[in-house]
Amino acid sequence: MTRIGLISDTHGYFDPAIETHFAHCDEIWHAGDWGVGAGTGLATLSGLTSARIRGVYGNIDDNAIRSVYPEQLVFTCEEVKVMIRHIGGYPPKYNPETKKELLIHRPQLFISGHSHILKVMYDEKLQCLHMNPGAAGKHGWHKVRTLIRFVIDGKEMKDCEVVELGPR
Protein backbone atom coordinates (compact mmCIF):
# COMPACT_ATOMS: atom_id res chain seq x y z
CA MET A 1 0.00 0.00 0.00
CA THR A 2 1.38 3.40 -1.04
CA ARG A 3 -0.09 6.63 0.35
CA ILE A 4 0.17 9.49 -2.14
CA GLY A 5 0.02 13.24 -1.61
CA LEU A 6 -0.83 15.04 -4.87
CA ILE A 7 -0.27 18.75 -5.37
CA SER A 8 0.07 21.21 -8.24
CA ASP A 9 0.31 24.87 -9.14
CA THR A 10 1.96 26.04 -5.95
CA HIS A 11 3.44 29.04 -7.81
CA GLY A 12 6.13 29.49 -5.16
CA TYR A 13 3.76 29.36 -2.18
CA PHE A 14 3.92 26.39 0.19
CA ASP A 15 1.25 26.55 2.88
CA PRO A 16 2.59 25.26 6.22
CA ALA A 17 -0.55 23.08 6.49
CA ILE A 18 0.79 20.92 3.65
CA GLU A 19 3.22 19.38 6.13
CA THR A 20 0.33 18.14 8.27
CA HIS A 21 -1.69 16.86 5.33
CA PHE A 22 1.25 14.98 3.77
CA ALA A 23 2.86 13.79 7.02
CA HIS A 24 1.88 10.15 6.51
CA CYS A 25 2.37 9.98 2.74
CA ASP A 26 4.88 7.56 1.27
CA GLU A 27 5.18 9.62 -1.92
CA ILE A 28 4.41 13.23 -2.85
CA TRP A 29 3.69 13.98 -6.50
CA HIS A 30 3.82 17.57 -7.84
CA ALA A 31 2.09 18.15 -11.20
CA GLY A 32 4.05 21.28 -12.14
CA ASP A 33 4.12 25.05 -11.82
CA TRP A 34 6.32 24.96 -8.74
CA GLY A 35 6.93 28.67 -9.35
CA VAL A 36 9.31 31.38 -8.22
CA GLY A 37 11.20 30.28 -5.14
CA ALA A 38 10.52 26.67 -6.12
CA GLY A 39 13.86 25.62 -4.68
CA THR A 40 12.51 26.65 -1.30
CA GLY A 41 9.30 24.75 -2.01
CA LEU A 42 11.23 21.67 -3.05
CA ALA A 43 13.27 21.88 0.14
CA THR A 44 10.02 22.29 2.07
CA LEU A 45 8.49 19.19 0.45
CA SER A 46 11.70 17.20 0.90
CA GLY A 47 11.82 18.15 4.56
CA LEU A 48 8.21 17.20 5.31
CA THR A 49 8.67 13.49 5.62
CA SER A 50 10.81 10.73 4.27
CA ALA A 51 8.36 10.59 1.35
CA ARG A 52 9.69 10.13 -2.15
CA ILE A 53 9.15 13.28 -4.26
CA ARG A 54 8.15 12.91 -7.91
CA GLY A 55 7.25 15.80 -10.16
CA VAL A 56 7.14 17.44 -13.55
CA TYR A 57 7.82 20.99 -14.57
CA GLY A 58 5.06 23.37 -15.58
CA ASN A 59 4.84 26.20 -18.06
CA ILE A 60 5.96 28.86 -15.55
CA ASP A 61 8.91 26.90 -14.15
CA ASP A 62 12.45 28.08 -14.77
CA ASN A 63 15.60 26.13 -15.57
CA ALA A 64 16.23 25.37 -11.88
CA ILE A 65 13.12 23.16 -11.82
CA ARG A 66 13.40 22.00 -15.44
CA SER A 67 16.90 20.67 -14.70
CA VAL A 68 15.50 18.46 -11.92
CA TYR A 69 12.07 17.45 -13.25
CA PRO A 70 10.97 16.34 -16.75
CA GLU A 71 7.98 17.52 -18.77
CA GLN A 72 6.38 14.08 -18.40
CA LEU A 73 6.76 11.14 -16.07
CA VAL A 74 5.60 7.60 -16.79
CA PHE A 75 6.18 5.05 -14.02
CA THR A 76 4.55 2.21 -12.12
CA CYS A 77 3.40 2.58 -8.53
CA GLU A 78 2.51 -0.79 -7.08
CA GLU A 79 0.62 -2.31 -10.06
CA VAL A 80 -0.71 0.96 -11.50
CA LYS A 81 0.88 2.63 -14.51
CA VAL A 82 0.95 6.40 -13.94
CA MET A 83 1.51 9.29 -16.34
CA ILE A 84 2.00 12.88 -15.12
CA ARG A 85 2.09 16.01 -17.32
CA HIS A 86 1.44 19.57 -16.25
CA ILE A 87 -0.68 20.58 -19.25
CA GLY A 88 -3.00 17.76 -20.17
CA GLY A 89 -6.63 18.69 -20.38
CA TYR A 90 -9.22 16.24 -19.13
CA PRO A 91 -11.48 13.48 -20.51
CA PRO A 92 -12.26 13.66 -23.38
CA LYS A 93 -10.74 17.13 -23.99
CA TYR A 94 -7.03 16.36 -23.83
CA ASN A 95 -4.56 18.57 -25.63
CA PRO A 96 -3.17 16.91 -28.79
CA GLU A 97 0.29 16.06 -27.40
CA THR A 98 -1.21 14.59 -24.22
CA LYS A 99 -3.73 12.53 -26.19
CA LYS A 100 -0.87 11.10 -28.27
CA GLU A 101 1.13 10.23 -25.12
CA LEU A 102 -1.90 8.66 -23.42
CA LEU A 103 -2.43 6.41 -26.45
CA ILE A 104 1.25 5.42 -26.48
CA HIS A 105 1.62 4.70 -22.75
CA ARG A 106 -1.92 3.57 -21.80
CA PRO A 107 -1.71 4.49 -18.09
CA GLN A 108 -4.37 3.50 -15.58
CA LEU A 109 -3.85 6.87 -13.84
CA PHE A 110 -3.24 10.21 -15.58
CA ILE A 111 -2.38 13.28 -13.51
CA SER A 112 -2.24 16.86 -14.72
CA GLY A 113 -2.30 20.36 -13.28
CA HIS A 114 -2.35 23.75 -15.04
CA SER A 115 -6.09 24.50 -15.06
CA HIS A 116 -6.32 25.19 -11.30
CA ILE A 117 -9.57 23.19 -11.46
CA LEU A 118 -9.84 20.21 -9.14
CA LYS A 119 -11.10 17.16 -11.06
CA VAL A 120 -11.20 13.44 -10.41
CA MET A 121 -12.93 11.63 -13.24
CA TYR A 122 -12.77 8.34 -15.09
CA ASP A 123 -12.19 8.13 -18.85
CA GLU A 124 -14.17 5.08 -19.98
CA LYS A 125 -12.72 5.19 -23.49
CA LEU A 126 -9.10 5.07 -22.30
CA GLN A 127 -9.87 3.03 -19.15
CA CYS A 128 -7.95 5.61 -17.15
CA LEU A 129 -8.58 7.63 -14.00
CA HIS A 130 -7.76 11.32 -14.40
CA MET A 131 -6.79 13.48 -11.41
CA ASN A 132 -6.05 17.19 -11.23
CA PRO A 133 -5.47 18.39 -7.65
CA GLY A 134 -6.39 21.98 -8.46
CA ALA A 135 -4.02 24.68 -7.23
CA ALA A 136 -2.31 24.84 -3.83
CA GLY A 137 -0.75 28.25 -4.41
CA LYS A 138 -2.10 31.76 -4.06
CA HIS A 139 -1.55 32.86 -7.67
CA GLY A 140 -4.37 32.35 -10.18
CA TRP A 141 -8.10 32.73 -10.47
CA HIS A 142 -9.15 29.76 -8.30
CA LYS A 143 -11.05 30.61 -5.12
CA VAL A 144 -9.95 27.73 -2.85
CA ARG A 145 -6.49 26.13 -2.61
CA THR A 146 -6.66 22.32 -2.82
CA LEU A 147 -4.64 19.12 -2.81
CA ILE A 148 -5.48 15.41 -2.92
CA ARG A 149 -4.48 12.39 -0.86
CA PHE A 150 -5.15 8.84 -2.02
CA VAL A 151 -3.88 5.28 -1.78
CA ILE A 152 -2.61 2.84 -4.37
CA ASP A 153 -2.92 -0.72 -3.13
CA GLY A 154 -1.88 -3.23 -5.76
CA LYS A 155 -4.10 -2.46 -8.75
CA GLU A 156 -6.58 -0.41 -6.70
CA MET A 157 -6.69 3.37 -6.40
CA LYS A 158 -8.78 4.20 -3.36
CA ASP A 159 -9.42 6.37 -0.31
CA CYS A 160 -9.29 9.60 -2.31
CA GLU A 161 -9.53 12.70 -0.11
CA VAL A 162 -9.75 16.29 -1.29
CA VAL A 163 -8.17 18.72 1.15
CA GLU A 164 -9.15 22.38 1.08
CA LEU A 165 -6.29 24.58 2.31
CA GLY A 166 -8.37 27.75 2.47
CA PRO A 167 -9.08 30.71 0.25
CA ARG A 168 -6.60 31.94 -2.31
C-alpha atoms as a PDB file:
ATOM      1  CA  MET A   1       0.000   0.000   0.000  1.00  0.00           C
ATOM      2  CA  THR A   2       1.380   3.403  -1.037  1.00  0.00           C
ATOM      3  CA  ARG A   3      -0.087   6.630   0.353  1.00  0.00           C
ATOM      4  CA  ILE A   4       0.167   9.492  -2.137  1.00  0.00           C
ATOM      5  CA  GLY A   5       0.017  13.240  -1.615  1.00  0.00           C
ATOM      6  CA  LEU A   6      -0.829  15.036  -4.868  1.00  0.00           C
ATOM      7  CA  ILE A   7      -0.265  18.748  -5.368  1.00  0.00           C
ATOM      8  CA  SER A   8       0.072  21.210  -8.237  1.00  0.00           C
ATOM      9  CA  ASP A   9       0.309  24.870  -9.141  1.00  0.00           C
ATOM     10  CA  THR A  10       1.962  26.044  -5.946  1.00  0.00           C
ATOM     11  CA  HIS A  11       3.441  29.036  -7.813  1.00  0.00           C
ATOM     12  CA  GLY A  12       6.128  29.492  -5.164  1.00  0.00           C
ATOM     13  CA  TYR A  13       3.759  29.365  -2.176  1.00  0.00           C
ATOM     14  CA  PHE A  14       3.919  26.386   0.191  1.00  0.00           C
ATOM     15  CA  ASP A  15       1.252  26.550   2.878  1.00  0.00           C
ATOM     16  CA  PRO A  16       2.588  25.264   6.223  1.00  0.00           C
ATOM     17  CA  ALA A  17      -0.545  23.078   6.494  1.00  0.00           C
ATOM     18  CA  ILE A  18       0.794  20.924   3.650  1.00  0.00           C
ATOM     19  CA  GLU A  19       3.215  19.384   6.129  1.00  0.00           C
ATOM     20  CA  THR A  20       0.332  18.139   8.271  1.00  0.00           C
ATOM     21  CA  HIS A  21      -1.694  16.857   5.330  1.00  0.00           C
ATOM     22  CA  PHE A  22       1.246  14.980   3.769  1.00  0.00           C
ATOM     23  CA  ALA A  23       2.858  13.792   7.022  1.00  0.00           C
ATOM     24  CA  HIS A  24       1.881  10.150   6.512  1.00  0.00           C
ATOM     25  CA  CYS A  25       2.368   9.984   2.743  1.00  0.00           C
ATOM     26  CA  ASP A  26       4.880   7.564   1.269  1.00  0.00           C
ATOM     27  CA  GLU A  27       5.183   9.624  -1.922  1.00  0.00           C
ATOM     28  CA  ILE A  28       4.414  13.228  -2.852  1.00  0.00           C
ATOM     29  CA  TRP A  29       3.692  13.983  -6.502  1.00  0.00           C
ATOM     30  CA  HIS A  30       3.815  17.566  -7.843  1.00  0.00           C
ATOM     31  CA  ALA A  31       2.094  18.149 -11.199  1.00  0.00           C
ATOM     32  CA  GLY A  32       4.052  21.278 -12.139  1.00  0.00           C
ATOM     33  CA  ASP A  33       4.116  25.051 -11.819  1.00  0.00           C
ATOM     34  CA  TRP A  34       6.325  24.963  -8.743  1.00  0.00           C
ATOM     35  CA  GLY A  35       6.932  28.666  -9.349  1.00  0.00           C
ATOM     36  CA  VAL A  36       9.307  31.384  -8.215  1.00  0.00           C
ATOM     37  CA  GLY A  37      11.195  30.282  -5.140  1.00  0.00           C
ATOM     38  CA  ALA A  38      10.523  26.675  -6.125  1.00  0.00           C
ATOM     39  CA  GLY A  39      13.865  25.619  -4.684  1.00  0.00           C
ATOM     40  CA  THR A  40      12.510  26.653  -1.305  1.00  0.00           C
ATOM     41  CA  GLY A  41       9.296  24.754  -2.011  1.00  0.00           C
ATOM     42  CA  LEU A  42      11.226  21.669  -3.047  1.00  0.00           C
ATOM     43  CA  ALA A  43      13.273  21.876   0.136  1.00  0.00           C
ATOM     44  CA  THR A  44      10.021  22.289   2.067  1.00  0.00           C
ATOM     45  CA  LEU A  45       8.486  19.192   0.449  1.00  0.00           C
ATOM     46  CA  SER A  46      11.699  17.203   0.898  1.00  0.00           C
ATOM     47  CA  GLY A  47      11.823  18.146   4.559  1.00  0.00           C
ATOM     48  CA  LEU A  48       8.214  17.202   5.307  1.00  0.00           C
ATOM     49  CA  THR A  49       8.667  13.487   5.616  1.00  0.00           C
ATOM     50  CA  SER A  50      10.812  10.730   4.267  1.00  0.00           C
ATOM     51  CA  ALA A  51       8.357  10.586   1.348  1.00  0.00           C
ATOM     52  CA  ARG A  52       9.686  10.134  -2.153  1.00  0.00           C
ATOM     53  CA  ILE A  53       9.151  13.280  -4.258  1.00  0.00           C
ATOM     54  CA  ARG A  54       8.147  12.910  -7.910  1.00  0.00           C
ATOM     55  CA  GLY A  55       7.247  15.796 -10.159  1.00  0.00           C
ATOM     56  CA  VAL A  56       7.138  17.435 -13.550  1.00  0.00           C
ATOM     57  CA  TYR A  57       7.816  20.990 -14.567  1.00  0.00           C
ATOM     58  CA  GLY A  58       5.057  23.374 -15.578  1.00  0.00           C
ATOM     59  CA  ASN A  59       4.837  26.198 -18.061  1.00  0.00           C
ATOM     60  CA  ILE A  60       5.957  28.856 -15.547  1.00  0.00           C
ATOM     61  CA  ASP A  61       8.913  26.901 -14.152  1.00  0.00           C
ATOM     62  CA  ASP A  62      12.452  28.085 -14.766  1.00  0.00           C
ATOM     63  CA  ASN A  63      15.600  26.129 -15.566  1.00  0.00           C
ATOM     64  CA  ALA A  64      16.230  25.367 -11.885  1.00  0.00           C
ATOM     65  CA  ILE A  65      13.117  23.157 -11.820  1.00  0.00           C
ATOM     66  CA  ARG A  66      13.402  21.997 -15.440  1.00  0.00           C
ATOM     67  CA  SER A  67      16.902  20.672 -14.699  1.00  0.00           C
ATOM     68  CA  VAL A  68      15.497  18.462 -11.922  1.00  0.00           C
ATOM     69  CA  TYR A  69      12.071  17.451 -13.252  1.00  0.00           C
ATOM     70  CA  PRO A  70      10.970  16.344 -16.746  1.00  0.00           C
ATOM     71  CA  GLU A  71       7.980  17.515 -18.768  1.00  0.00           C
ATOM     72  CA  GLN A  72       6.384  14.083 -18.402  1.00  0.00           C
ATOM     73  CA  LEU A  73       6.759  11.142 -16.066  1.00  0.00           C
ATOM     74  CA  VAL A  74       5.604   7.597 -16.787  1.00  0.00           C
ATOM     75  CA  PHE A  75       6.181   5.055 -14.017  1.00  0.00           C
ATOM     76  CA  THR A  76       4.551   2.209 -12.124  1.00  0.00           C
ATOM     77  CA  CYS A  77       3.399   2.583  -8.534  1.00  0.00           C
ATOM     78  CA  GLU A  78       2.513  -0.794  -7.084  1.00  0.00           C
ATOM     79  CA  GLU A  79       0.623  -2.314 -10.062  1.00  0.00           C
ATOM     80  CA  VAL A  80      -0.713   0.963 -11.505  1.00  0.00           C
ATOM     81  CA  LYS A  81       0.885   2.626 -14.514  1.00  0.00           C
ATOM     82  CA  VAL A  82       0.955   6.397 -13.935  1.00  0.00           C
ATOM     83  CA  MET A  83       1.506   9.287 -16.337  1.00  0.00           C
ATOM     84  CA  ILE A  84       2.002  12.875 -15.121  1.00  0.00           C
ATOM     85  CA  ARG A  85       2.092  16.007 -17.323  1.00  0.00           C
ATOM     86  CA  HIS A  86       1.438  19.574 -16.253  1.00  0.00           C
ATOM     87  CA  ILE A  87      -0.675  20.584 -19.248  1.00  0.00           C
ATOM     88  CA  GLY A  88      -2.999  17.763 -20.167  1.00  0.00           C
ATOM     89  CA  GLY A  89      -6.630  18.691 -20.385  1.00  0.00           C
ATOM     90  CA  TYR A  90      -9.225  16.239 -19.135  1.00  0.00           C
ATOM     91  CA  PRO A  91     -11.478  13.478 -20.508  1.00  0.00           C
ATOM     92  CA  PRO A  92     -12.258  13.655 -23.385  1.00  0.00           C
ATOM     93  CA  LYS A  93     -10.742  17.128 -23.987  1.00  0.00           C
ATOM     94  CA  TYR A  94      -7.025  16.358 -23.831  1.00  0.00           C
ATOM     95  CA  ASN A  95      -4.562  18.574 -25.633  1.00  0.00           C
ATOM     96  CA  PRO A  96      -3.175  16.906 -28.790  1.00  0.00           C
ATOM     97  CA  GLU A  97       0.290  16.064 -27.398  1.00  0.00           C
ATOM     98  CA  THR A  98      -1.206  14.589 -24.217  1.00  0.00           C
ATOM     99  CA  LYS A  99      -3.725  12.530 -26.189  1.00  0.00           C
ATOM    100  CA  LYS A 100      -0.866  11.095 -28.267  1.00  0.00           C
ATOM    101  CA  GLU A 101       1.131  10.229 -25.124  1.00  0.00           C
ATOM    102  CA  LEU A 102      -1.904   8.658 -23.425  1.00  0.00           C
ATOM    103  CA  LEU A 103      -2.431   6.411 -26.451  1.00  0.00           C
ATOM    104  CA  ILE A 104       1.248   5.415 -26.480  1.00  0.00           C
ATOM    105  CA  HIS A 105       1.624   4.704 -22.747  1.00  0.00           C
ATOM    106  CA  ARG A 106      -1.916   3.574 -21.805  1.00  0.00           C
ATOM    107  CA  PRO A 107      -1.707   4.488 -18.088  1.00  0.00           C
ATOM    108  CA  GLN A 108      -4.365   3.505 -15.576  1.00  0.00           C
ATOM    109  CA  LEU A 109      -3.854   6.871 -13.845  1.00  0.00           C
ATOM    110  CA  PHE A 110      -3.241  10.206 -15.583  1.00  0.00           C
ATOM    111  CA  ILE A 111      -2.383  13.276 -13.513  1.00  0.00           C
ATOM    112  CA  SER A 112      -2.244  16.864 -14.719  1.00  0.00           C
ATOM    113  CA  GLY A 113      -2.303  20.356 -13.283  1.00  0.00           C
ATOM    114  CA  HIS A 114      -2.352  23.747 -15.038  1.00  0.00           C
ATOM    115  CA  SER A 115      -6.089  24.500 -15.062  1.00  0.00           C
ATOM    116  CA  HIS A 116      -6.322  25.186 -11.296  1.00  0.00           C
ATOM    117  CA  ILE A 117      -9.569  23.186 -11.465  1.00  0.00           C
ATOM    118  CA  LEU A 118      -9.838  20.205  -9.144  1.00  0.00           C
ATOM    119  CA  LYS A 119     -11.104  17.162 -11.056  1.00  0.00           C
ATOM    120  CA  VAL A 120     -11.195  13.444 -10.414  1.00  0.00           C
ATOM    121  CA  MET A 121     -12.928  11.633 -13.245  1.00  0.00           C
ATOM    122  CA  TYR A 122     -12.769   8.340 -15.092  1.00  0.00           C
ATOM    123  CA  ASP A 123     -12.188   8.134 -18.850  1.00  0.00           C
ATOM    124  CA  GLU A 124     -14.175   5.084 -19.982  1.00  0.00           C
ATOM    125  CA  LYS A 125     -12.724   5.195 -23.494  1.00  0.00           C
ATOM    126  CA  LEU A 126      -9.095   5.067 -22.299  1.00  0.00           C
ATOM    127  CA  GLN A 127      -9.872   3.031 -19.146  1.00  0.00           C
ATOM    128  CA  CYS A 128      -7.946   5.612 -17.150  1.00  0.00           C
ATOM    129  CA  LEU A 129      -8.582   7.627 -13.996  1.00  0.00           C
ATOM    130  CA  HIS A 130      -7.761  11.317 -14.403  1.00  0.00           C
ATOM    131  CA  MET A 131      -6.791  13.483 -11.414  1.00  0.00           C
ATOM    132  CA  ASN A 132      -6.052  17.192 -11.229  1.00  0.00           C
ATOM    133  CA  PRO A 133      -5.471  18.385  -7.654  1.00  0.00           C
ATOM    134  CA  GLY A 134      -6.388  21.975  -8.460  1.00  0.00           C
ATOM    135  CA  ALA A 135      -4.018  24.682  -7.227  1.00  0.00           C
ATOM    136  CA  ALA A 136      -2.311  24.837  -3.828  1.00  0.00           C
ATOM    137  CA  GLY A 137      -0.751  28.249  -4.413  1.00  0.00           C
ATOM    138  CA  LYS A 138      -2.103  31.761  -4.061  1.00  0.00           C
ATOM    139  CA  HIS A 139      -1.551  32.857  -7.671  1.00  0.00           C
ATOM    140  CA  GLY A 140      -4.374  32.348 -10.176  1.00  0.00           C
ATOM    141  CA  TRP A 141      -8.100  32.733 -10.470  1.00  0.00           C
ATOM    142  CA  HIS A 142      -9.149  29.760  -8.302  1.00  0.00           C
ATOM    143  CA  LYS A 143     -11.049  30.613  -5.123  1.00  0.00           C
ATOM    144  CA  VAL A 144      -9.947  27.727  -2.850  1.00  0.00           C
ATOM    145  CA  ARG A 145      -6.493  26.126  -2.611  1.00  0.00           C
ATOM    146  CA  THR A 146      -6.661  22.320  -2.821  1.00  0.00           C
ATOM    147  CA  LEU A 147      -4.638  19.117  -2.813  1.00  0.00           C
ATOM    148  CA  ILE A 148      -5.481  15.406  -2.917  1.00  0.00           C
ATOM    149  CA  ARG A 149      -4.483  12.392  -0.858  1.00  0.00           C
ATOM    150  CA  PHE A 150      -5.150   8.843  -2.018  1.00  0.00           C
ATOM    151  CA  VAL A 151      -3.880   5.277  -1.781  1.00  0.00           C
ATOM    152  CA  ILE A 152      -2.613   2.845  -4.371  1.00  0.00           C
ATOM    153  CA  ASP A 153      -2.920  -0.721  -3.131  1.00  0.00           C
ATOM    154  CA  GLY A 154      -1.877  -3.229  -5.764  1.00  0.00           C
ATOM    155  CA  LYS A 155      -4.095  -2.457  -8.749  1.00  0.00           C
ATOM    156  CA  GLU A 156      -6.577  -0.411  -6.699  1.00  0.00           C
ATOM    157  CA  MET A 157      -6.690   3.372  -6.402  1.00  0.00           C
ATOM    158  CA  LYS A 158      -8.785   4.200  -3.362  1.00  0.00           C
ATOM    159  CA  ASP A 159      -9.424   6.375  -0.314  1.00  0.00           C
ATOM    160  CA  CYS A 160      -9.294   9.598  -2.310  1.00  0.00           C
ATOM    161  CA  GLU A 161      -9.526  12.701  -0.114  1.00  0.00           C
ATOM    162  CA  VAL A 162      -9.751  16.293  -1.294  1.00  0.00           C
ATOM    163  CA  VAL A 163      -8.172  18.715   1.145  1.00  0.00           C
ATOM    164  CA  GLU A 164      -9.150  22.385   1.081  1.00  0.00           C
ATOM    165  CA  LEU A 165      -6.288  24.580   2.307  1.00  0.00           C
ATOM    166  CA  GLY A 166      -8.367  27.749   2.470  1.00  0.00           C
ATOM    167  CA  PRO A 167      -9.083  30.714   0.249  1.00  0.00           C
ATOM    168  CA  ARG A 168      -6.603  31.935  -2.312  1.00  0.00           C
END
